[in-house]
Amino acid sequence: MSRIGKKPIDIPKGVEVDIQPGNTVVVKGPKGTLTNNFHRDIVIKKEDGKIVIERRGEDSFSRAVHGTARAILANMVKGVSEGFVEELEIVGIGYRGAVKGKNLELSLGFSHPVVYEIPEGIQITMEGTNIIKVSGIDKQKVGQTAAEIRSFREPDPYKGKGIRYKGEVIKLKAGKTVGKGKK
């Protein structure tokens, strides 16, 4: 049995879980509502304040989907109760960002500013001019948005300039060594 899939999910106070026919689960909480449709090989039940996930068969696909379904459902419950936050750092002289209306405007050393339209259900805030906070209730959407912002100027392997996740360590490469090996 899947070690992750067999763990029950606690339902915190203020969170409502509705299991509908066709394996559709609706999770409502103080931060919003999330809906997901799970595979038919998965059985989702509510038992005394917890969500239990079981699988119908023992084939390899059912075993693989079991742990994944549990992780997705746990992230839905956590998202509507607490939410998810990804932090990005902008590193480099003259590199900065600002939120203007529904757009994130980044100055990353190009001849033009990079304008990123903030997706629905995602909030982006700036701390100063170099820390970007991406938050929302859907973990996949928050991670995807952070990855798209990072892709505008990934960290340079020689100087370390660019957009990186908070706490990400960039291993810098050595530059050219001039005059070595001359006789």
Protein backbone atom coordinates (compact mmCIF):
# COMPACT_ATOMS: atom_id res chain seq x y z
CA MET A 1 0.00 0.00 0.00
CA SER A 2 1.19 3.52 -0.73
CA ARG A 3 2.83 5.04 2.34
CA ILE A 4 1.56 8.49 1.40
CA GLY A 5 -1.82 7.33 0.08
CA LYS A 6 -2.83 5.50 3.26
CA LYS A 7 -2.36 8.54 5.54
CA PRO A 8 -5.70 10.16 6.41
CA ILE A 9 -6.10 13.92 5.83
CA ASP A 10 -7.30 15.96 8.82
CA ILE A 11 -10.03 18.49 8.02
CA PRO A 12 -9.27 21.75 9.90
CA LYS A 13 -11.98 23.94 11.44
CA GLY A 14 -13.71 26.17 8.92
CA VAL A 15 -13.01 23.82 5.99
CA GLU A 16 -15.89 21.98 4.32
CA VAL A 17 -15.29 18.94 2.08
CA ASP A 18 -18.04 17.79 -0.29
CA ILE A 19 -17.53 14.49 -2.14
CA GLN A 20 -19.83 14.38 -5.16
CA PRO A 21 -20.66 11.47 -7.49
CA GLY A 22 -18.09 10.88 -10.22
CA ASN A 23 -15.19 11.40 -7.75
CA THR A 24 -15.49 15.18 -7.84
CA VAL A 25 -14.34 16.80 -4.59
CA VAL A 26 -15.22 20.39 -3.64
CA VAL A 27 -13.21 21.92 -0.77
CA LYS A 28 -14.45 25.21 0.73
CA GLY A 29 -12.56 27.22 3.29
CA PRO A 30 -11.92 30.75 4.57
CA LYS A 31 -9.61 31.57 1.63
CA GLY A 32 -11.79 30.22 -1.19
CA THR A 33 -13.07 27.12 -2.99
CA LEU A 34 -11.20 24.46 -4.97
CA THR A 35 -12.69 21.67 -7.11
CA ASN A 36 -10.94 18.64 -8.54
CA ASN A 37 -12.08 15.53 -10.40
CA PHE A 38 -10.20 12.38 -9.34
CA HIS A 39 -9.65 9.14 -11.27
CA ARG A 40 -12.33 6.45 -10.99
CA ASP A 41 -9.81 3.93 -9.52
CA ILE A 42 -9.70 6.02 -6.32
CA VAL A 43 -12.32 5.83 -3.54
CA ILE A 44 -12.60 8.98 -1.38
CA LYS A 45 -14.48 8.80 1.95
CA LYS A 46 -15.10 11.11 4.91
CA GLU A 47 -14.73 9.37 8.27
CA ASP A 48 -14.97 11.24 11.64
CA GLY A 49 -13.33 14.53 10.62
CA LYS A 50 -10.78 12.96 8.25
CA ILE A 51 -10.59 12.15 4.57
CA VAL A 52 -9.52 8.59 3.73
CA ILE A 53 -8.36 7.62 0.25
CA GLU A 54 -8.39 4.01 -0.96
CA ARG A 55 -7.81 2.38 -4.32
CA ARG A 56 -10.03 -0.12 -6.09
CA GLY A 57 -7.34 -2.32 -7.66
CA GLU A 58 -3.74 -3.41 -7.14
CA ASP A 59 -2.46 -2.73 -10.67
CA SER A 60 0.52 -0.39 -11.06
CA PHE A 61 -1.58 2.55 -12.33
CA SER A 62 -3.94 2.42 -9.34
CA ARG A 63 -0.97 2.29 -6.95
CA ALA A 64 0.63 5.28 -8.68
CA VAL A 65 -2.57 7.35 -8.67
CA HIS A 66 -3.27 6.55 -4.98
CA GLY A 67 -0.44 8.64 -3.49
CA THR A 68 -0.85 11.39 -6.07
CA ALA A 69 -4.57 11.77 -5.33
CA ARG A 70 -3.89 11.98 -1.59
CA ALA A 71 -1.20 14.65 -2.09
CA ILE A 72 -3.46 16.73 -4.36
CA LEU A 73 -6.36 16.51 -1.89
CA ALA A 74 -4.11 17.43 1.05
CA ASN A 75 -2.84 20.45 -0.90
CA MET A 76 -6.43 21.49 -1.64
CA VAL A 77 -7.32 21.37 2.08
CA LYS A 78 -4.17 23.28 3.05
CA GLY A 79 -4.71 25.82 0.26
CA VAL A 80 -8.23 26.84 1.30
CA SER A 81 -7.26 27.05 4.98
CA GLU A 82 -3.73 28.56 4.91
CA GLY A 83 -2.79 29.25 1.28
CA PHE A 84 0.58 28.89 -0.44
CA VAL A 85 3.39 31.44 -0.87
CA GLU A 86 6.46 31.38 -3.13
CA GLU A 87 9.11 34.06 -2.73
CA LEU A 88 11.47 35.15 -5.50
CA GLU A 89 14.51 37.43 -5.29
CA ILE A 90 15.66 39.75 -8.05
CA VAL A 91 19.48 39.96 -7.96
CA GLY A 92 21.47 42.40 -10.09
CA ILE A 93 22.33 46.07 -10.34
CA GLY A 94 19.42 47.97 -11.88
CA TYR A 95 17.12 44.93 -11.75
CA ARG A 96 13.81 45.70 -10.06
CA GLY A 97 10.09 45.03 -10.18
CA ALA A 98 6.78 46.72 -9.42
CA VAL A 99 3.12 45.70 -9.40
CA LYS A 100 1.02 48.05 -11.53
CA GLY A 101 -2.68 47.19 -11.51
CA LYS A 102 -3.08 43.61 -12.75
CA ASN A 103 0.46 43.48 -14.17
CA LEU A 104 3.92 42.78 -12.78
CA GLU A 105 6.46 45.05 -14.45
CA LEU A 106 10.09 43.89 -14.31
CA SER A 107 13.22 45.76 -15.33
CA LEU A 108 15.78 43.03 -15.98
CA GLY A 109 18.49 44.63 -18.09
CA PHE A 110 16.66 44.30 -21.40
CA SER A 111 15.99 47.29 -23.66
CA HIS A 112 12.33 47.10 -22.60
CA PRO A 113 10.47 46.32 -19.37
CA VAL A 114 9.00 42.82 -19.07
CA VAL A 115 5.26 43.02 -18.36
CA TYR A 116 3.62 39.89 -16.88
CA GLU A 117 -0.16 39.70 -16.55
CA ILE A 118 -1.08 38.28 -13.12
CA PRO A 119 -3.29 35.16 -13.54
CA GLU A 120 -6.76 34.89 -11.98
CA GLY A 121 -6.64 33.56 -8.40
CA ILE A 122 -3.02 34.65 -7.81
CA GLN A 123 -1.84 37.62 -5.76
CA ILE A 124 1.59 39.14 -6.34
CA THR A 125 3.10 41.64 -3.92
CA MET A 126 6.51 43.30 -3.81
CA GLU A 127 8.67 43.83 -0.73
CA GLY A 128 10.87 46.72 -1.71
CA THR A 129 11.95 46.47 -5.33
CA ASN A 130 13.63 43.07 -5.29
CA ILE A 131 11.44 40.54 -3.39
CA ILE A 132 8.40 39.11 -5.21
CA LYS A 133 5.75 37.21 -3.19
CA VAL A 134 3.44 34.98 -5.22
CA SER A 135 0.47 33.68 -3.19
CA GLY A 136 -2.79 31.84 -3.77
CA ILE A 137 -4.86 28.82 -2.77
CA ASP A 138 -3.91 26.50 -5.66
CA LYS A 139 -0.39 25.09 -5.11
CA GLN A 140 0.08 24.14 -8.77
CA LYS A 141 -0.92 27.60 -9.99
CA VAL A 142 1.34 29.38 -7.46
CA GLY A 143 4.33 27.22 -8.43
CA GLN A 144 3.66 27.63 -12.16
CA THR A 145 3.39 31.42 -11.83
CA ALA A 146 6.64 31.60 -9.85
CA ALA A 147 8.40 29.43 -12.47
CA GLU A 148 7.14 31.65 -15.31
CA ILE A 149 8.40 34.80 -13.55
CA ARG A 150 11.78 33.15 -12.88
CA SER A 151 12.08 32.15 -16.56
CA PHE A 152 12.22 35.82 -17.66
CA ARG A 153 15.83 36.05 -16.40
CA GLU A 154 17.16 32.84 -14.88
CA PRO A 155 20.22 33.21 -12.63
CA ASP A 156 23.44 33.66 -14.59
CA PRO A 157 25.96 30.89 -13.76
CA TYR A 158 28.92 33.34 -13.87
CA LYS A 159 27.70 36.40 -11.92
CA GLY A 160 24.53 35.07 -10.25
CA LYS A 161 22.35 37.88 -11.61
CA GLY A 162 18.70 37.18 -12.40
CA ILE A 163 15.54 35.98 -10.64
CA ARG A 164 15.88 33.13 -8.16
CA TYR A 165 13.76 31.44 -5.53
CA LYS A 166 14.31 32.76 -2.00
CA GLY A 167 17.06 30.68 -0.45
CA GLU A 168 18.13 29.10 -3.76
CA VAL A 169 21.89 28.65 -3.94
CA ILE A 170 23.50 29.27 -7.32
CA LYS A 171 26.81 27.50 -7.84
CA LEU A 172 28.91 30.02 -9.73
CA LYS A 173 31.29 28.91 -12.47
CA ALA A 174 34.83 30.20 -12.71
CA GLY A 175 35.45 32.73 -15.46
CA LYS A 176 38.34 32.79 -17.90
CA THR A 177 41.81 32.76 -16.42
CA VAL A 178 44.04 35.06 -18.43
CA GLY A 179 47.72 34.29 -18.88
CA LYS A 180 47.64 30.76 -17.55
CA GLY A 181 49.70 28.28 -19.51
CA LYS A 182 51.80 30.90 -21.38
CA LYS A 183 55.53 30.27 -21.73
